[in-house]
Amino acid sequence: MKTVLFACVHNAGRSQMAAAWFNVLSDPGKARAISAGTDPGLRVHPEVVEAMEEAGVELSGAPPRTLTPELAAGVSMLITMGCGDQCPVMPGVTRDDWPLEDPKGKPIEAVRAIRDDIRGRVQELVESQGWARGTTEAPRPRLP
């Protein structure tokens, strides 16, 4: 079982969407995703919750959480999204950075575009790693 950690500053937008999409699109027997932030917010941004609900993914109960060494222990991949130098260096962990715009406070049309960009990136990741689900119908995600 592989674990992918999606990290951003507030864990209230991009990383939450990425982890949720990952858990929808990946085979739960092969990989799972968690998300965290270097300075987590109090809740997932309302515009992010709305955009994800439109796509059939529930994030209203997803708690932002702090990126700690304990949380990062055992992950095989770290994908950062705008946390720059605040994101940890994790020796031996595959790392990538997705330069995505922060959806906080953006109009819903912009949040939808960010949502769809993230979904495409996650789809490409799970397919390239052989983690995609075997069926075309994705169930509800496990909250990260």
C-alpha atoms as a PDB file:
ATOM      1  CA  MET A   1       0.000   0.000   0.000  1.00  0.00           C
ATOM      2  CA  LYS A   2       1.394   3.374  -1.052  1.00  0.00           C
ATOM      3  CA  THR A   3       0.474   6.629   0.672  1.00  0.00           C
ATOM      4  CA  VAL A   4       0.597   9.963  -1.116  1.00  0.00           C
ATOM      5  CA  LEU A   5       0.692  13.155   0.941  1.00  0.00           C
ATOM      6  CA  PHE A   6      -0.694  16.317  -0.660  1.00  0.00           C
ATOM      7  CA  ALA A   7       0.526  19.432   1.143  1.00  0.00           C
ATOM      8  CA  CYS A   8      -0.216  23.136   0.891  1.00  0.00           C
ATOM      9  CA  VAL A   9      -0.161  25.992   3.372  1.00  0.00           C
ATOM     10  CA  HIS A  10      -3.687  25.969   4.832  1.00  0.00           C
ATOM     11  CA  ASN A  11      -4.898  22.466   3.892  1.00  0.00           C
ATOM     12  CA  ALA A  12      -8.214  24.103   3.097  1.00  0.00           C
ATOM     13  CA  GLY A  13      -8.318  24.006  -0.699  1.00  0.00           C
ATOM     14  CA  ARG A  14      -5.856  22.504  -3.179  1.00  0.00           C
ATOM     15  CA  SER A  15      -4.485  19.672  -1.034  1.00  0.00           C
ATOM     16  CA  GLN A  16      -7.956  18.724   0.191  1.00  0.00           C
ATOM     17  CA  MET A  17      -9.257  18.536  -3.385  1.00  0.00           C
ATOM     18  CA  ALA A  18      -6.237  16.517  -4.530  1.00  0.00           C
ATOM     19  CA  ALA A  19      -6.487  13.970  -1.718  1.00  0.00           C
ATOM     20  CA  ALA A  20     -10.239  13.580  -2.235  1.00  0.00           C
ATOM     21  CA  TRP A  21      -9.822  13.076  -6.006  1.00  0.00           C
ATOM     22  CA  PHE A  22      -6.978  10.640  -5.387  1.00  0.00           C
ATOM     23  CA  ASN A  23      -9.105   8.542  -3.045  1.00  0.00           C
ATOM     24  CA  VAL A  24     -11.960   8.523  -5.577  1.00  0.00           C
ATOM     25  CA  LEU A  25      -9.796   7.595  -8.566  1.00  0.00           C
ATOM     26  CA  SER A  26      -7.272   5.174  -7.040  1.00  0.00           C
ATOM     27  CA  ASP A  27      -7.642   1.529  -6.117  1.00  0.00           C
ATOM     28  CA  PRO A  28      -7.841   1.539  -2.286  1.00  0.00           C
ATOM     29  CA  GLY A  29      -5.919  -1.734  -2.201  1.00  0.00           C
ATOM     30  CA  LYS A  30      -2.945  -0.117  -3.929  1.00  0.00           C
ATOM     31  CA  ALA A  31      -2.757   3.488  -2.741  1.00  0.00           C
ATOM     32  CA  ARG A  32      -4.402   6.133  -0.629  1.00  0.00           C
ATOM     33  CA  ALA A  33      -3.942   9.844  -0.064  1.00  0.00           C
ATOM     34  CA  ILE A  34      -3.810  12.122   2.931  1.00  0.00           C
ATOM     35  CA  SER A  35      -3.490  15.887   3.040  1.00  0.00           C
ATOM     36  CA  ALA A  36      -2.033  18.417   5.435  1.00  0.00           C
ATOM     37  CA  GLY A  37      -0.818  21.988   5.659  1.00  0.00           C
ATOM     38  CA  THR A  38       2.085  23.884   7.117  1.00  0.00           C
ATOM     39  CA  ASP A  39      -0.300  26.454   8.671  1.00  0.00           C
ATOM     40  CA  PRO A  40      -3.755  24.824   8.544  1.00  0.00           C
ATOM     41  CA  GLY A  41      -6.921  26.848   8.368  1.00  0.00           C
ATOM     42  CA  LEU A  42     -10.006  26.351  10.495  1.00  0.00           C
ATOM     43  CA  ARG A  43     -12.057  24.663   7.759  1.00  0.00           C
ATOM     44  CA  VAL A  44     -12.079  23.840   4.086  1.00  0.00           C
ATOM     45  CA  HIS A  45     -12.879  26.981   2.092  1.00  0.00           C
ATOM     46  CA  PRO A  46     -16.641  27.196   1.345  1.00  0.00           C
ATOM     47  CA  GLU A  47     -16.028  27.786  -2.373  1.00  0.00           C
ATOM     48  CA  VAL A  48     -13.951  24.577  -2.488  1.00  0.00           C
ATOM     49  CA  VAL A  49     -16.684  22.610  -0.692  1.00  0.00           C
ATOM     50  CA  GLU A  50     -19.237  23.947  -3.197  1.00  0.00           C
ATOM     51  CA  ALA A  51     -17.144  23.132  -6.275  1.00  0.00           C
ATOM     52  CA  MET A  52     -16.383  19.621  -5.057  1.00  0.00           C
ATOM     53  CA  GLU A  53     -20.038  18.979  -4.137  1.00  0.00           C
ATOM     54  CA  GLU A  54     -20.952  19.890  -7.721  1.00  0.00           C
ATOM     55  CA  ALA A  55     -18.631  17.069  -8.802  1.00  0.00           C
ATOM     56  CA  GLY A  56     -20.175  14.633  -6.306  1.00  0.00           C
ATOM     57  CA  VAL A  57     -17.362  14.758  -3.747  1.00  0.00           C
ATOM     58  CA  GLU A  58     -18.141  15.753  -0.160  1.00  0.00           C
ATOM     59  CA  LEU A  59     -15.524  17.838   1.666  1.00  0.00           C
ATOM     60  CA  SER A  60     -17.626  19.764   4.183  1.00  0.00           C
ATOM     61  CA  GLY A  61     -16.525  17.505   7.041  1.00  0.00           C
ATOM     62  CA  ALA A  62     -12.854  17.273   6.067  1.00  0.00           C
ATOM     63  CA  PRO A  63     -10.683  18.760   8.816  1.00  0.00           C
ATOM     64  CA  PRO A  64      -7.568  20.757   7.902  1.00  0.00           C
ATOM     65  CA  ARG A  65      -4.587  19.307   9.726  1.00  0.00           C
ATOM     66  CA  THR A  66      -0.995  20.156  10.449  1.00  0.00           C
ATOM     67  CA  LEU A  67       1.801  18.604   8.461  1.00  0.00           C
ATOM     68  CA  THR A  68       3.835  16.888  11.172  1.00  0.00           C
ATOM     69  CA  PRO A  69       6.752  14.455  10.946  1.00  0.00           C
ATOM     70  CA  GLU A  70       4.469  11.791  12.439  1.00  0.00           C
ATOM     71  CA  LEU A  71       1.821  12.334   9.759  1.00  0.00           C
ATOM     72  CA  ALA A  72       4.476  12.254   7.039  1.00  0.00           C
ATOM     73  CA  ALA A  73       6.090   9.062   8.356  1.00  0.00           C
ATOM     74  CA  GLY A  74       5.674   6.214   5.941  1.00  0.00           C
ATOM     75  CA  VAL A  75       4.509   8.204   2.921  1.00  0.00           C
ATOM     76  CA  SER A  76       5.966   7.222  -0.427  1.00  0.00           C
ATOM     77  CA  MET A  77       5.220  10.436  -2.292  1.00  0.00           C
ATOM     78  CA  LEU A  78       4.871  14.113  -1.329  1.00  0.00           C
ATOM     79  CA  ILE A  79       3.132  16.505  -3.676  1.00  0.00           C
ATOM     80  CA  THR A  80       3.362  20.140  -2.653  1.00  0.00           C
ATOM     81  CA  MET A  81       1.109  22.941  -3.818  1.00  0.00           C
ATOM     82  CA  GLY A  82       2.403  26.381  -3.049  1.00  0.00           C
ATOM     83  CA  CYS A  83       4.002  25.885   0.350  1.00  0.00           C
ATOM     84  CA  GLY A  84       7.492  26.563  -0.977  1.00  0.00           C
ATOM     85  CA  ASP A  85      10.220  26.464   1.645  1.00  0.00           C
ATOM     86  CA  GLN A  86       7.661  25.753   4.382  1.00  0.00           C
ATOM     87  CA  CYS A  87       7.121  22.217   3.049  1.00  0.00           C
ATOM     88  CA  PRO A  88       9.442  19.677   4.613  1.00  0.00           C
ATOM     89  CA  VAL A  89      12.338  17.924   2.978  1.00  0.00           C
ATOM     90  CA  MET A  90      11.684  14.214   3.302  1.00  0.00           C
ATOM     91  CA  PRO A  91      14.715  12.097   2.337  1.00  0.00           C
ATOM     92  CA  GLY A  92      13.836   8.982   0.362  1.00  0.00           C
ATOM     93  CA  VAL A  93      10.369  10.254  -0.562  1.00  0.00           C
ATOM     94  CA  THR A  94       9.457  11.005  -4.167  1.00  0.00           C
ATOM     95  CA  ARG A  95       8.515  14.678  -4.350  1.00  0.00           C
ATOM     96  CA  ASP A  96       6.725  16.766  -6.936  1.00  0.00           C
ATOM     97  CA  ASP A  97       5.359  20.298  -6.909  1.00  0.00           C
ATOM     98  CA  TRP A  98       2.129  21.249  -8.630  1.00  0.00           C
ATOM     99  CA  PRO A  99       2.049  25.039  -9.144  1.00  0.00           C
ATOM    100  CA  LEU A 100      -1.662  25.625  -8.642  1.00  0.00           C
ATOM    101  CA  GLU A 101      -3.496  28.824  -7.898  1.00  0.00           C
ATOM    102  CA  ASP A 102      -4.966  29.106  -4.390  1.00  0.00           C
ATOM    103  CA  PRO A 103      -8.787  28.869  -4.673  1.00  0.00           C
ATOM    104  CA  LYS A 104      -9.433  30.889  -1.501  1.00  0.00           C
ATOM    105  CA  GLY A 105     -11.833  33.751  -2.164  1.00  0.00           C
ATOM    106  CA  LYS A 106     -12.001  33.100  -5.906  1.00  0.00           C
ATOM    107  CA  PRO A 107     -15.281  33.121  -7.838  1.00  0.00           C
ATOM    108  CA  ILE A 108     -16.807  29.674  -8.291  1.00  0.00           C
ATOM    109  CA  GLU A 109     -15.874  29.571 -11.990  1.00  0.00           C
ATOM    110  CA  ALA A 110     -12.185  29.924 -11.079  1.00  0.00           C
ATOM    111  CA  VAL A 111     -12.492  27.302  -8.325  1.00  0.00           C
ATOM    112  CA  ARG A 112     -14.097  24.900 -10.811  1.00  0.00           C
ATOM    113  CA  ALA A 113     -11.145  25.381 -13.168  1.00  0.00           C
ATOM    114  CA  ILE A 114      -8.687  24.673 -10.337  1.00  0.00           C
ATOM    115  CA  ARG A 115     -10.772  21.638  -9.292  1.00  0.00           C
ATOM    116  CA  ASP A 116     -10.739  20.257 -12.832  1.00  0.00           C
ATOM    117  CA  ASP A 117      -6.998  20.891 -13.212  1.00  0.00           C
ATOM    118  CA  ILE A 118      -6.338  18.991  -9.981  1.00  0.00           C
ATOM    119  CA  ARG A 119      -8.582  16.113 -11.076  1.00  0.00           C
ATOM    120  CA  GLY A 120      -6.664  15.820 -14.348  1.00  0.00           C
ATOM    121  CA  ARG A 121      -3.297  15.829 -12.573  1.00  0.00           C
ATOM    122  CA  VAL A 122      -4.474  13.209 -10.079  1.00  0.00           C
ATOM    123  CA  GLN A 123      -5.920  11.044 -12.869  1.00  0.00           C
ATOM    124  CA  GLU A 124      -2.585  11.184 -14.686  1.00  0.00           C
ATOM    125  CA  LEU A 125      -0.710  10.311 -11.485  1.00  0.00           C
ATOM    126  CA  VAL A 126      -2.817   7.277 -10.552  1.00  0.00           C
ATOM    127  CA  GLU A 127      -2.734   5.964 -14.114  1.00  0.00           C
ATOM    128  CA  SER A 128       1.032   6.442 -14.494  1.00  0.00           C
ATOM    129  CA  GLN A 129       1.688   4.613 -11.214  1.00  0.00           C
ATOM    130  CA  GLY A 130      -0.756   1.754 -11.907  1.00  0.00           C
ATOM    131  CA  TRP A 131      -3.000   2.777  -9.008  1.00  0.00           C
ATOM    132  CA  ALA A 132      -6.203   3.506 -10.963  1.00  0.00           C
ATOM    133  CA  ARG A 133      -9.412   1.750 -10.028  1.00  0.00           C
ATOM    134  CA  GLY A 134     -10.367  -1.217 -12.144  1.00  0.00           C
ATOM    135  CA  THR A 135     -13.894   0.073 -12.731  1.00  0.00           C
ATOM    136  CA  THR A 136     -15.178   3.173 -14.450  1.00  0.00           C
ATOM    137  CA  GLU A 137     -17.580   4.065 -11.649  1.00  0.00           C
ATOM    138  CA  ALA A 138     -15.900   5.691  -8.671  1.00  0.00           C
ATOM    139  CA  PRO A 139     -17.504   5.426  -5.223  1.00  0.00           C
ATOM    140  CA  ARG A 140     -17.609   8.208  -2.673  1.00  0.00           C
ATOM    141  CA  PRO A 141     -14.131   9.169  -1.452  1.00  0.00           C
ATOM    142  CA  ARG A 142     -12.682   8.431   1.938  1.00  0.00           C
ATOM    143  CA  LEU A 143     -12.007  11.771   3.551  1.00  0.00           C
ATOM    144  CA  PRO A 144      -8.277  12.494   3.756  1.00  0.00           C
END
